[in-house]
Structures are given as structure tokens and as C-alpha cells.
Amino acid sequence: MNFYSARLLLVILIDDRPRRTNTWDEIIVTFRARDFAHAFARALEVGRSHETEYENLRRQRVRWALVEVLTLDFVGRRVDGAEVASRMFDRRSKEAIPFDTQFRPEESTPSQSF
């Protein structure tokens, strides 16, 4: 079996009134599948496993619902070192960065996503 990744979109709904502005969660998951059709079925299965419903502190029902499989990508036979997501963006620096700047990523102090 091969590895695939899927970017899934979930919405968080609160049962007090319909809202035009809601909180959304985009997650990227990896999993194994036989082929693309099986991968789509697995993406739905994994996405639905993130669906939940509970009561918040205000005694309102909260529902996390899978809305869409946004992307479905073949990763390969192995995931070790495989790129499963990328996001390009513009960021303004305090000063201009010369082309030959030497960076020191080994001095990073990474945090955890959650």
C-alpha cells in the first residue's frame, strides 16, 4: 500500500443560532491506501473520525463537521522525509535580507503545534 495525504476542511457549529461567521479547521492527514479511489474513501473515513458533538460551558451544543476533502495527494511508498504540505507567503522583515545571508537553522527552538 502507498501513502496519501489529504487536506480536510471542518466547520465548528454552535447550536444557539445560525451564523454567517464560523470557526473552520483545515487539517492535513496522512494514511495508507491501495489506490486513489481507496484513498478518497480513507480520507472521508479519517475526516469523519474528527467529527464530534459535545456541550460547551454555556450548555450549548457544539458540532465539528467534515465539510470537504480539499486535496488528495499521492505521497509515495514511504513517508519518512516526504513533503506532505507547503504554504508560501510574504513576510516583511525589519531589514532587507542580502542574497548571500547565511542562516543558522540548527539554532532553532521549535515549538509543537498542539
N, C-alpha and C. Protein backbone atom coordinates (compact mmCIF):
# COMPACT_ATOMS: atom_id res chain seq x y z
N MET A 1 0.84 -1.19 0.00
CA MET A 1 0.00 0.00 0.00
C MET A 1 0.88 1.24 0.00
N ASN A 2 0.34 2.30 -0.56
CA ASN A 2 1.04 3.57 -0.65
C ASN A 2 0.48 4.56 0.37
N PHE A 3 1.25 5.61 0.58
CA PHE A 3 0.80 6.68 1.47
C PHE A 3 0.18 7.80 0.65
N TYR A 4 -0.85 8.40 1.22
CA TYR A 4 -1.53 9.55 0.64
C TYR A 4 -1.68 10.60 1.73
N SER A 5 -1.88 11.84 1.32
CA SER A 5 -2.21 12.88 2.28
C SER A 5 -3.48 13.57 1.80
N ALA A 6 -4.24 14.06 2.75
CA ALA A 6 -5.47 14.77 2.43
C ALA A 6 -5.55 16.02 3.29
N ARG A 7 -5.99 17.11 2.68
CA ARG A 7 -6.27 18.33 3.41
C ARG A 7 -7.79 18.37 3.56
N LEU A 8 -8.23 18.37 4.80
CA LEU A 8 -9.65 18.27 5.12
C LEU A 8 -10.14 19.56 5.75
N LEU A 9 -11.38 19.92 5.45
CA LEU A 9 -11.97 21.13 5.99
C LEU A 9 -13.13 20.76 6.91
N LEU A 10 -13.04 21.22 8.15
CA LEU A 10 -14.10 21.02 9.13
C LEU A 10 -14.64 22.36 9.58
N VAL A 11 -15.91 22.42 9.92
CA VAL A 11 -16.52 23.63 10.46
C VAL A 11 -16.99 23.32 11.88
N ILE A 12 -16.92 24.34 12.73
CA ILE A 12 -17.37 24.21 14.11
C ILE A 12 -18.65 25.02 14.25
N LEU A 13 -19.74 24.33 14.53
CA LEU A 13 -21.06 24.96 14.62
C LEU A 13 -21.55 24.96 16.06
N ILE A 14 -22.22 26.03 16.46
CA ILE A 14 -22.80 26.13 17.79
C ILE A 14 -24.30 26.25 17.63
N ASP A 15 -25.03 25.43 18.39
CA ASP A 15 -26.48 25.32 18.23
C ASP A 15 -27.24 26.38 19.03
N ASP A 16 -26.84 27.66 18.89
CA ASP A 16 -27.63 28.71 19.52
C ASP A 16 -28.38 29.50 18.46
N ARG A 17 -27.73 29.67 17.30
CA ARG A 17 -28.36 30.36 16.17
C ARG A 17 -27.46 30.15 14.95
N PRO A 18 -28.02 30.15 13.76
CA PRO A 18 -27.19 30.06 12.55
C PRO A 18 -26.28 31.30 12.46
N ARG A 19 -25.04 31.08 12.06
CA ARG A 19 -24.08 32.17 11.97
C ARG A 19 -23.50 32.24 10.57
N ARG A 20 -23.21 33.44 10.15
CA ARG A 20 -22.51 33.61 8.87
C ARG A 20 -21.01 33.45 9.06
N THR A 21 -20.51 33.80 10.24
CA THR A 21 -19.09 33.65 10.55
C THR A 21 -18.93 32.52 11.55
N ASN A 22 -18.20 31.50 11.13
CA ASN A 22 -17.95 30.33 11.97
C ASN A 22 -16.45 30.07 12.02
N THR A 23 -16.03 29.26 12.96
CA THR A 23 -14.64 28.83 13.02
C THR A 23 -14.49 27.59 12.16
N TRP A 24 -13.43 27.57 11.36
CA TRP A 24 -13.14 26.45 10.47
C TRP A 24 -11.79 25.87 10.84
N ASP A 25 -11.59 24.60 10.58
CA ASP A 25 -10.31 23.94 10.86
C ASP A 25 -9.88 23.18 9.61
N GLU A 26 -8.71 23.52 9.10
CA GLU A 26 -8.11 22.80 7.97
C GLU A 26 -7.04 21.90 8.54
N ILE A 27 -7.16 20.61 8.33
CA ILE A 27 -6.17 19.67 8.84
C ILE A 27 -5.57 18.88 7.67
N ILE A 28 -4.35 18.46 7.85
CA ILE A 28 -3.68 17.61 6.86
C ILE A 28 -3.35 16.29 7.54
N VAL A 29 -3.79 15.21 6.93
CA VAL A 29 -3.59 13.88 7.50
C VAL A 29 -2.88 12.99 6.47
N THR A 30 -2.16 12.01 6.96
CA THR A 30 -1.55 11.01 6.08
C THR A 30 -2.12 9.64 6.45
N PHE A 31 -2.16 8.76 5.46
CA PHE A 31 -2.72 7.43 5.67
C PHE A 31 -2.30 6.55 4.50
N ARG A 32 -2.54 5.26 4.64
CA ARG A 32 -2.23 4.30 3.59
C ARG A 32 -3.50 3.94 2.82
N ALA A 33 -3.30 3.67 1.53
CA ALA A 33 -4.42 3.24 0.69
C ALA A 33 -3.87 2.48 -0.52
N ARG A 34 -4.73 1.65 -1.12
CA ARG A 34 -4.33 0.84 -2.28
C ARG A 34 -4.19 1.68 -3.55
N ASP A 35 -5.13 2.61 -3.75
CA ASP A 35 -5.15 3.42 -4.97
C ASP A 35 -5.91 4.71 -4.66
N PHE A 36 -6.09 5.53 -5.68
CA PHE A 36 -6.70 6.84 -5.47
C PHE A 36 -8.14 6.73 -4.96
N ALA A 37 -8.92 5.82 -5.52
CA ALA A 37 -10.31 5.66 -5.07
C ALA A 37 -10.37 5.23 -3.61
N HIS A 38 -9.49 4.30 -3.24
CA HIS A 38 -9.42 3.85 -1.85
C HIS A 38 -8.94 5.00 -0.96
N ALA A 39 -8.01 5.81 -1.48
CA ALA A 39 -7.51 6.95 -0.72
C ALA A 39 -8.62 7.95 -0.43
N PHE A 40 -9.50 8.18 -1.40
CA PHE A 40 -10.61 9.09 -1.17
C PHE A 40 -11.54 8.55 -0.07
N ALA A 41 -11.81 7.26 -0.13
CA ALA A 41 -12.65 6.63 0.90
C ALA A 41 -11.98 6.73 2.27
N ARG A 42 -10.66 6.53 2.31
CA ARG A 42 -9.92 6.64 3.57
C ARG A 42 -9.91 8.07 4.08
N ALA A 43 -9.79 9.06 3.17
CA ALA A 43 -9.81 10.47 3.58
C ALA A 43 -11.15 10.80 4.24
N LEU A 44 -12.23 10.30 3.65
CA LEU A 44 -13.55 10.50 4.26
C LEU A 44 -13.64 9.83 5.63
N GLU A 45 -13.11 8.62 5.71
CA GLU A 45 -13.14 7.88 6.98
C GLU A 45 -12.35 8.63 8.06
N VAL A 46 -11.15 9.06 7.72
CA VAL A 46 -10.32 9.79 8.68
C VAL A 46 -10.98 11.12 9.05
N GLY A 47 -11.51 11.82 8.04
CA GLY A 47 -12.18 13.09 8.31
C GLY A 47 -13.38 12.93 9.21
N ARG A 48 -14.17 11.92 8.95
CA ARG A 48 -15.36 11.68 9.78
C ARG A 48 -14.98 11.28 11.21
N SER A 49 -13.79 10.70 11.37
CA SER A 49 -13.35 10.35 12.73
C SER A 49 -13.05 11.60 13.55
N HIS A 50 -12.89 12.75 12.89
CA HIS A 50 -12.67 14.02 13.59
C HIS A 50 -13.99 14.72 13.92
N GLU A 51 -15.09 14.21 13.41
CA GLU A 51 -16.38 14.80 13.73
C GLU A 51 -16.75 14.47 15.17
N THR A 52 -17.31 15.44 15.85
CA THR A 52 -17.72 15.22 17.23
C THR A 52 -18.82 16.21 17.59
N GLU A 53 -19.51 15.91 18.66
CA GLU A 53 -20.53 16.81 19.18
C GLU A 53 -20.47 16.75 20.69
N TYR A 54 -20.57 17.91 21.32
CA TYR A 54 -20.50 17.98 22.78
C TYR A 54 -21.19 19.24 23.26
N GLU A 55 -21.32 19.37 24.58
CA GLU A 55 -21.93 20.54 25.18
C GLU A 55 -20.83 21.42 25.76
N ASN A 56 -20.83 22.72 25.42
CA ASN A 56 -19.80 23.61 25.94
C ASN A 56 -20.17 24.12 27.33
N LEU A 57 -19.34 25.01 27.87
CA LEU A 57 -19.57 25.52 29.23
C LEU A 57 -20.85 26.34 29.35
N ARG A 58 -21.32 26.86 28.22
CA ARG A 58 -22.58 27.63 28.22
C ARG A 58 -23.79 26.74 27.98
N ARG A 59 -23.55 25.43 28.00
CA ARG A 59 -24.59 24.43 27.80
C ARG A 59 -25.19 24.49 26.39
N GLN A 60 -24.36 24.91 25.43
CA GLN A 60 -24.76 24.92 24.03
C GLN A 60 -24.14 23.69 23.36
N ARG A 61 -24.88 23.12 22.42
CA ARG A 61 -24.32 22.01 21.66
C ARG A 61 -23.32 22.55 20.65
N VAL A 62 -22.16 21.89 20.57
CA VAL A 62 -21.10 22.25 19.63
C VAL A 62 -20.88 21.06 18.73
N ARG A 63 -20.78 21.32 17.44
CA ARG A 63 -20.61 20.24 16.47
C ARG A 63 -19.44 20.55 15.54
N TRP A 64 -18.50 19.61 15.44
CA TRP A 64 -17.42 19.67 14.46
C TRP A 64 -17.84 18.76 13.32
N ALA A 65 -17.94 19.31 12.10
CA ALA A 65 -18.44 18.55 10.96
C ALA A 65 -17.46 18.61 9.79
N LEU A 66 -17.21 17.47 9.18
CA LEU A 66 -16.40 17.41 7.97
C LEU A 66 -17.21 18.02 6.83
N VAL A 67 -16.66 19.01 6.15
CA VAL A 67 -17.35 19.71 5.07
C VAL A 67 -16.84 19.26 3.71
N GLU A 68 -15.51 19.08 3.60
CA GLU A 68 -14.95 18.84 2.28
C GLU A 68 -13.56 18.21 2.38
N VAL A 69 -13.26 17.35 1.40
CA VAL A 69 -11.89 16.89 1.19
C VAL A 69 -11.31 17.87 0.17
N LEU A 70 -10.43 18.77 0.63
CA LEU A 70 -9.92 19.83 -0.23
C LEU A 70 -8.88 19.34 -1.22
N THR A 71 -7.95 18.53 -0.74
CA THR A 71 -6.92 17.97 -1.62
C THR A 71 -6.68 16.52 -1.25
N LEU A 72 -6.24 15.75 -2.22
CA LEU A 72 -5.89 14.35 -2.02
C LEU A 72 -4.66 14.09 -2.86
N ASP A 73 -3.55 13.75 -2.20
CA ASP A 73 -2.27 13.64 -2.90
C ASP A 73 -1.57 12.32 -2.61
N PHE A 74 -0.98 11.77 -3.66
CA PHE A 74 -0.13 10.60 -3.54
C PHE A 74 1.18 11.06 -2.91
N VAL A 75 1.61 10.41 -1.83
CA VAL A 75 2.86 10.76 -1.16
C VAL A 75 3.97 9.82 -1.59
N GLY A 76 3.68 8.51 -1.66
CA GLY A 76 4.69 7.53 -2.06
C GLY A 76 4.62 6.30 -1.19
N ARG A 77 5.62 5.46 -1.34
CA ARG A 77 5.66 4.23 -0.54
C ARG A 77 6.14 4.47 0.88
N ARG A 78 6.85 5.56 1.09
CA ARG A 78 7.38 5.91 2.41
C ARG A 78 6.98 7.34 2.75
N VAL A 79 6.85 7.62 4.04
CA VAL A 79 6.55 8.99 4.45
C VAL A 79 7.74 9.66 5.12
N ASP A 80 8.75 8.91 5.49
CA ASP A 80 9.91 9.49 6.16
C ASP A 80 10.57 10.51 5.24
N GLY A 81 10.49 11.76 5.62
CA GLY A 81 11.09 12.84 4.84
C GLY A 81 10.24 13.35 3.69
N ALA A 82 9.08 12.75 3.47
CA ALA A 82 8.22 13.18 2.36
C ALA A 82 7.51 14.49 2.73
N GLU A 83 7.44 15.41 1.78
CA GLU A 83 6.71 16.66 2.00
C GLU A 83 5.22 16.38 1.83
N VAL A 84 4.45 16.71 2.85
CA VAL A 84 3.01 16.48 2.77
C VAL A 84 2.22 17.77 2.74
N ALA A 85 2.88 18.90 3.00
CA ALA A 85 2.19 20.18 2.95
C ALA A 85 3.21 21.30 2.78
N SER A 86 2.77 22.38 2.18
CA SER A 86 3.62 23.55 2.00
C SER A 86 2.72 24.77 1.92
N ARG A 87 3.22 25.87 2.45
CA ARG A 87 2.46 27.11 2.39
C ARG A 87 3.43 28.24 2.09
N MET A 88 3.26 28.89 0.96
CA MET A 88 4.11 30.03 0.60
C MET A 88 3.39 31.31 0.99
N PHE A 89 4.13 32.26 1.53
CA PHE A 89 3.53 33.51 1.97
C PHE A 89 4.57 34.61 1.97
N ASP A 90 4.14 35.85 1.96
CA ASP A 90 5.03 37.00 2.06
C ASP A 90 5.15 37.40 3.51
N ARG A 91 6.35 37.80 3.89
CA ARG A 91 6.60 38.23 5.26
C ARG A 91 7.57 39.40 5.21
N ARG A 92 7.26 40.46 5.87
CA ARG A 92 8.10 41.65 5.86
C ARG A 92 9.13 41.57 6.98
N SER A 93 10.40 41.77 6.63
CA SER A 93 11.50 41.77 7.61
C SER A 93 11.80 43.19 8.06
N LYS A 94 12.39 43.31 9.24
CA LYS A 94 12.78 44.63 9.73
C LYS A 94 13.81 45.26 8.79
N GLU A 95 14.71 44.42 8.27
CA GLU A 95 15.75 44.89 7.36
C GLU A 95 15.76 44.02 6.12
N ALA A 96 16.30 44.56 5.03
CA ALA A 96 16.42 43.78 3.79
C ALA A 96 17.39 42.61 4.03
N ILE A 97 17.11 41.48 3.40
CA ILE A 97 17.95 40.29 3.56
C ILE A 97 18.83 40.14 2.32
N PRO A 98 20.15 40.30 2.48
CA PRO A 98 21.05 40.12 1.34
C PRO A 98 21.00 38.69 0.81
N PHE A 99 21.21 38.54 -0.48
CA PHE A 99 21.14 37.24 -1.14
C PHE A 99 22.05 36.20 -0.50
N ASP A 100 23.26 36.59 -0.10
CA ASP A 100 24.24 35.63 0.41
C ASP A 100 24.19 35.46 1.94
N THR A 101 23.10 35.85 2.56
CA THR A 101 22.95 35.69 4.01
C THR A 101 23.08 34.22 4.39
N GLN A 102 23.83 33.96 5.45
CA GLN A 102 23.98 32.61 5.97
C GLN A 102 23.01 32.45 7.14
N PHE A 103 22.11 31.50 7.04
CA PHE A 103 21.13 31.24 8.09
C PHE A 103 21.64 30.12 8.99
N ARG A 104 21.14 30.04 10.21
CA ARG A 104 21.56 29.03 11.19
C ARG A 104 20.35 28.27 11.73
N PRO A 105 19.76 27.40 10.91
CA PRO A 105 18.57 26.68 11.36
C PRO A 105 18.84 25.75 12.54
N GLU A 106 20.10 25.35 12.73
CA GLU A 106 20.44 24.48 13.86
C GLU A 106 20.25 25.18 15.21
N GLU A 107 20.11 26.49 15.21
CA GLU A 107 19.87 27.24 16.44
C GLU A 107 18.38 27.44 16.73
N SER A 108 17.55 26.83 15.93
CA SER A 108 16.10 26.94 16.12
C SER A 108 15.68 26.33 17.44
N THR A 109 14.62 26.86 17.99
CA THR A 109 13.96 26.26 19.16
C THR A 109 12.49 26.05 18.79
N PRO A 110 12.21 24.93 18.10
CA PRO A 110 10.85 24.70 17.62
C PRO A 110 9.85 24.47 18.73
N SER A 111 8.63 24.89 18.46
CA SER A 111 7.52 24.62 19.38
C SER A 111 6.72 23.47 18.78
N GLN A 112 5.70 23.03 19.50
CA GLN A 112 4.82 21.98 19.00
C GLN A 112 3.50 22.60 18.57
N SER A 113 2.88 22.00 17.55
CA SER A 113 1.64 22.56 17.02
C SER A 113 0.51 22.51 18.03
N PHE A 114 0.47 21.49 18.86
CA PHE A 114 -0.59 21.42 19.86
C PHE A 114 -0.11 20.76 21.09
